Amino acid sequence: MSTHMTTGEPGRSDEDRQTPSGPQSIPRAVLLTGFLITALGGLTGIAAVVSALTGLGSGSDAAGPAQPSPSPSTTRTASVRIQYPQQAASVRHHQKVYGVAVIPPHHSLWLVSHKKGEAGLYLLGRVHTTGQGTGPTGWDACPQIGDFPAQRGESFEISAVLVPDATSDYLLGATTYSGVQLVPAKAGADVAGLVSTRLPPGTDPAHQDSVWVTLDGDGENCS
């Protein structure tokens, strides 16, 4: 698959580019920082390396809704735990990951990863949950880990993090200008891939869990 990205948005106002809901193209502020297009191991198509997604600061064209840091009152009961795979496990290219979490109101649980020795964080998508309430809820996902066979034997850190719903919804609706999703949002759909050196805006830094795994095989371990 090839994806072509343009750098203009004729006919759209600044207000349109700031709307944080629904499917949308990448905002003007991200474009102004410049796109670096690179091969993204483990995700279909190209990778839009957009550090600006999480580092635009106070600009009015920020890539996503501005989010305050989570306060103790909103996350004091939060908890996140990865139960599988366990630390130092060997994993497949498509690998099931599951655990339990207490997800506070107005938050979603996401998986991110990065390869040992690299700063880039790969947004692997939002997990599937079996319910959300005041107690622990089960969650699972089957993300694509790394690039097989090119990265066979490499170590990856998989982290489960709490992201505000507004940021989560924005990411799930973000597309390239040709309509390809930037992050996994629909099963079987093409994904351009989004990499950043920082976690999404508003991510709860106090409640997350991670494991280091080794990419060892092709195929799926998603059952």
Protein backbone atom coordinates (compact mmCIF):
# COMPACT_ATOMS: atom_id res chain seq x y z
CA MET A 1 0.00 0.00 0.00
CA SER A 2 1.24 3.47 -0.74
CA THR A 3 -0.03 6.56 1.01
CA HIS A 4 0.36 10.09 -0.34
CA MET A 5 0.21 12.97 2.09
CA THR A 6 -0.22 16.57 1.02
CA THR A 7 0.63 19.68 3.00
CA GLY A 8 -2.33 21.94 2.34
CA GLU A 9 -5.96 22.14 3.37
CA PRO A 10 -7.69 24.42 0.84
CA GLY A 11 -11.10 25.64 1.83
CA ARG A 12 -10.81 24.83 5.52
CA SER A 13 -10.86 27.49 8.21
CA ASP A 14 -8.69 27.55 11.31
CA GLU A 15 -11.78 26.70 13.34
CA ASP A 16 -12.38 23.58 11.24
CA ARG A 17 -8.84 22.43 11.81
CA GLN A 18 -9.23 22.68 15.57
CA THR A 19 -12.42 20.64 15.89
CA PRO A 20 -11.49 17.78 18.25
CA SER A 21 -14.29 15.34 17.40
CA GLY A 22 -14.97 12.95 14.57
CA PRO A 23 -12.71 11.75 11.74
CA GLN A 24 -10.33 14.50 10.72
CA SER A 25 -7.10 15.20 8.90
CA ILE A 26 -3.90 16.25 10.62
CA PRO A 27 -4.13 19.87 11.87
CA ARG A 28 -2.14 22.76 10.44
CA ALA A 29 0.12 23.06 13.48
CA VAL A 30 1.39 19.52 12.95
CA LEU A 31 2.08 20.26 9.31
CA LEU A 32 4.04 23.36 10.24
CA THR A 33 6.45 21.25 12.27
CA GLY A 34 7.13 19.14 9.17
CA PHE A 35 6.38 15.47 8.58
CA LEU A 36 9.16 12.93 8.64
CA ILE A 37 8.01 9.88 6.75
CA THR A 38 9.81 6.69 7.63
CA ALA A 39 9.23 2.96 7.52
CA LEU A 40 7.38 1.82 10.62
CA GLY A 41 8.12 -1.76 11.49
CA GLY A 42 5.01 -3.56 12.63
CA LEU A 43 2.35 -1.27 11.15
CA THR A 44 0.97 -1.24 7.62
CA GLY A 45 2.10 1.48 5.25
CA ILE A 46 4.03 4.57 6.32
CA ALA A 47 4.72 6.06 9.70
CA ALA A 48 3.93 9.69 10.39
CA VAL A 49 6.55 10.63 12.95
CA VAL A 50 4.79 13.43 14.74
CA SER A 51 6.47 14.52 17.95
CA ALA A 52 4.30 17.62 17.66
CA LEU A 53 1.25 15.57 18.57
CA THR A 54 2.31 15.63 22.20
CA GLY A 55 4.65 18.61 22.29
CA LEU A 56 2.87 21.58 20.73
CA GLY A 57 2.39 23.36 24.03
CA SER A 58 -0.07 26.25 24.06
CA GLY A 59 -0.52 26.83 20.33
CA SER A 60 -4.13 27.35 19.25
CA ASP A 61 -3.73 24.76 16.48
CA ALA A 62 -2.62 22.01 18.86
CA ALA A 63 -2.94 18.47 17.51
CA GLY A 64 -5.79 17.43 19.72
CA PRO A 65 -7.64 18.96 22.62
CA ALA A 66 -5.58 20.49 25.39
CA GLN A 67 -5.57 18.27 28.45
CA PRO A 68 -4.57 19.15 32.01
CA SER A 69 -2.47 16.70 33.94
CA PRO A 70 -4.61 14.14 35.73
CA SER A 71 -5.40 15.25 39.27
CA PRO A 72 -5.31 12.96 42.30
CA SER A 73 -9.09 13.31 42.63
CA THR A 74 -9.70 11.84 39.17
CA THR A 75 -7.12 9.06 39.22
CA ARG A 76 -6.62 8.16 42.89
CA THR A 77 -8.43 4.84 42.44
CA ALA A 78 -6.84 4.03 39.08
CA SER A 79 -4.64 0.98 38.56
CA VAL A 80 -3.22 -0.83 35.54
CA ARG A 81 -1.73 -4.30 35.34
CA ILE A 82 -0.46 -6.38 32.42
CA GLN A 83 -0.95 -10.08 33.17
CA TYR A 84 0.16 -11.50 29.82
CA PRO A 85 2.70 -11.68 28.32
CA GLN A 86 5.00 -11.80 31.30
CA GLN A 87 8.35 -10.10 31.65
CA ALA A 88 11.01 -11.32 29.17
CA ALA A 89 8.52 -13.49 27.27
CA SER A 90 8.97 -14.40 23.61
CA VAL A 91 6.12 -13.07 21.48
CA ARG A 92 4.71 -13.39 17.99
CA HIS A 93 4.35 -10.64 15.39
CA HIS A 94 0.66 -10.33 16.38
CA GLN A 95 0.54 -10.89 20.11
CA LYS A 96 -2.33 -11.00 22.56
CA VAL A 97 -1.86 -8.74 25.57
CA TYR A 98 -4.28 -8.74 28.48
CA GLY A 99 -4.65 -7.65 32.07
CA VAL A 100 -6.86 -5.91 34.60
CA ALA A 101 -7.33 -2.24 35.35
CA VAL A 102 -9.37 0.21 37.34
CA ILE A 103 -10.14 2.83 34.71
CA PRO A 104 -11.27 6.19 36.13
CA PRO A 105 -14.14 8.11 34.51
CA HIS A 106 -13.39 9.87 31.23
CA HIS A 107 -10.29 7.78 30.53
CA SER A 108 -9.40 4.96 28.13
CA LEU A 109 -6.64 2.37 28.29
CA TRP A 110 -4.11 2.33 25.44
CA LEU A 111 -1.09 0.24 24.54
CA VAL A 112 2.15 1.81 23.39
CA SER A 113 5.50 0.24 22.65
CA HIS A 114 9.06 1.08 21.77
CA LYS A 115 12.08 -0.89 20.65
CA LYS A 116 15.03 -1.06 22.99
CA GLY A 117 17.50 1.68 22.17
CA GLU A 118 14.95 3.87 20.36
CA ALA A 119 13.10 6.91 21.67
CA GLY A 120 10.07 6.63 19.41
CA LEU A 121 6.83 5.44 21.00
CA TYR A 122 4.50 3.44 18.76
CA LEU A 123 0.82 3.99 19.50
CA LEU A 124 -0.68 0.49 19.28
CA GLY A 125 -4.29 1.49 19.89
CA ARG A 126 -7.01 1.35 22.52
CA VAL A 127 -7.62 -1.93 24.30
CA HIS A 128 -10.92 -3.81 24.47
CA THR A 129 -12.48 -3.84 27.92
CA THR A 130 -15.09 -6.18 29.39
CA GLY A 131 -16.66 -3.40 31.43
CA GLN A 132 -15.89 -0.17 33.22
CA GLY A 133 -16.83 0.70 36.77
CA THR A 134 -15.34 1.36 40.17
CA GLY A 135 -13.71 -2.08 40.40
CA PRO A 136 -11.13 -3.89 38.30
CA THR A 137 -12.13 -4.72 34.74
CA GLY A 138 -10.52 -7.12 32.33
CA TRP A 139 -8.97 -5.84 29.12
CA ASP A 140 -7.24 -7.32 26.09
CA ALA A 141 -5.75 -6.40 22.73
CA CYS A 142 -3.78 -8.08 19.95
CA PRO A 143 -1.36 -5.47 18.62
CA GLN A 144 1.31 -5.93 16.02
CA ILE A 145 4.75 -5.98 17.61
CA GLY A 146 7.75 -4.86 15.62
CA ASP A 147 8.63 -5.86 12.07
CA PHE A 148 9.11 -9.55 11.35
CA PRO A 149 11.54 -10.94 10.29
CA ALA A 150 13.65 -7.74 10.18
CA GLN A 151 13.42 -7.21 13.95
CA ARG A 152 13.41 -10.81 15.09
CA GLY A 153 15.27 -11.12 18.37
CA GLU A 154 14.80 -7.44 19.24
CA SER A 155 13.41 -6.37 22.62
CA PHE A 156 10.29 -4.24 22.88
CA GLU A 157 8.67 -2.59 25.86
CA ILE A 158 4.87 -2.79 25.86
CA SER A 159 3.12 -0.33 28.15
CA ALA A 160 -0.54 0.07 29.12
CA VAL A 161 -1.40 3.70 29.89
CA LEU A 162 -4.48 5.73 30.79
CA VAL A 163 -5.39 8.41 28.23
CA PRO A 164 -8.19 11.01 28.56
CA ASP A 165 -11.22 10.13 26.46
CA ALA A 166 -11.06 13.40 24.52
CA THR A 167 -7.49 12.66 23.42
CA SER A 168 -8.36 9.02 22.75
CA ASP A 169 -11.32 9.95 20.55
CA TYR A 170 -9.20 12.46 18.67
CA LEU A 171 -6.50 9.90 17.94
CA LEU A 172 -9.01 7.29 16.80
CA GLY A 173 -10.51 9.79 14.36
CA ALA A 174 -7.24 11.18 12.99
CA THR A 175 -6.38 10.26 9.40
CA THR A 176 -3.88 11.09 6.71
CA TYR A 177 -5.13 13.26 3.87
CA SER A 178 -5.91 10.14 1.88
CA GLY A 179 -8.18 8.88 4.65
CA VAL A 180 -5.92 6.23 6.21
CA GLN A 181 -6.18 5.94 9.99
CA LEU A 182 -3.09 7.09 11.89
CA VAL A 183 -3.60 4.59 14.71
CA PRO A 184 -5.36 1.21 14.82
CA ALA A 185 -9.06 1.99 15.14
CA LYS A 186 -10.92 -0.65 13.11
CA ALA A 187 -10.11 -4.32 12.76
CA GLY A 188 -8.52 -5.12 9.43
CA ALA A 189 -8.22 -1.48 8.31
CA ASP A 190 -5.02 -0.03 6.92
CA VAL A 191 -2.99 2.01 9.39
CA ALA A 192 -0.43 4.67 8.52
CA GLY A 193 1.19 4.52 11.94
CA LEU A 194 1.87 7.25 14.46
CA VAL A 195 5.12 7.57 16.38
CA SER A 196 6.02 10.19 18.95
CA THR A 197 8.76 10.78 21.48
CA ARG A 198 6.10 11.50 24.13
CA LEU A 199 2.90 9.93 25.36
CA PRO A 200 -0.43 11.47 24.25
CA PRO A 201 -1.50 14.69 26.01
CA GLY A 202 -2.93 14.17 29.48
CA THR A 203 -1.69 10.58 29.87
CA ASP A 204 -1.70 9.60 33.54
CA PRO A 205 1.98 9.26 34.51
CA ALA A 206 1.29 7.62 37.86
CA HIS A 207 -0.79 4.63 36.79
CA GLN A 208 0.66 2.43 34.06
CA ASP A 209 2.34 -0.92 33.65
CA SER A 210 4.87 -2.31 31.21
CA VAL A 211 6.72 -5.48 30.25
CA TRP A 212 9.74 -6.17 28.08
CA VAL A 213 9.30 -8.88 25.46
CA THR A 214 11.35 -10.36 22.61
CA LEU A 215 9.96 -10.68 19.09
CA ASP A 216 10.58 -14.31 18.24
CA GLY A 217 8.07 -15.51 15.69
CA ASP A 218 5.74 -14.65 12.83
CA GLY A 219 1.98 -15.21 12.82
CA GLU A 220 -0.53 -14.66 15.57
CA ASN A 221 -0.93 -15.55 19.21
CA CYS A 222 -4.26 -13.80 19.67
CA SER A 223 -6.54 -16.49 21.08
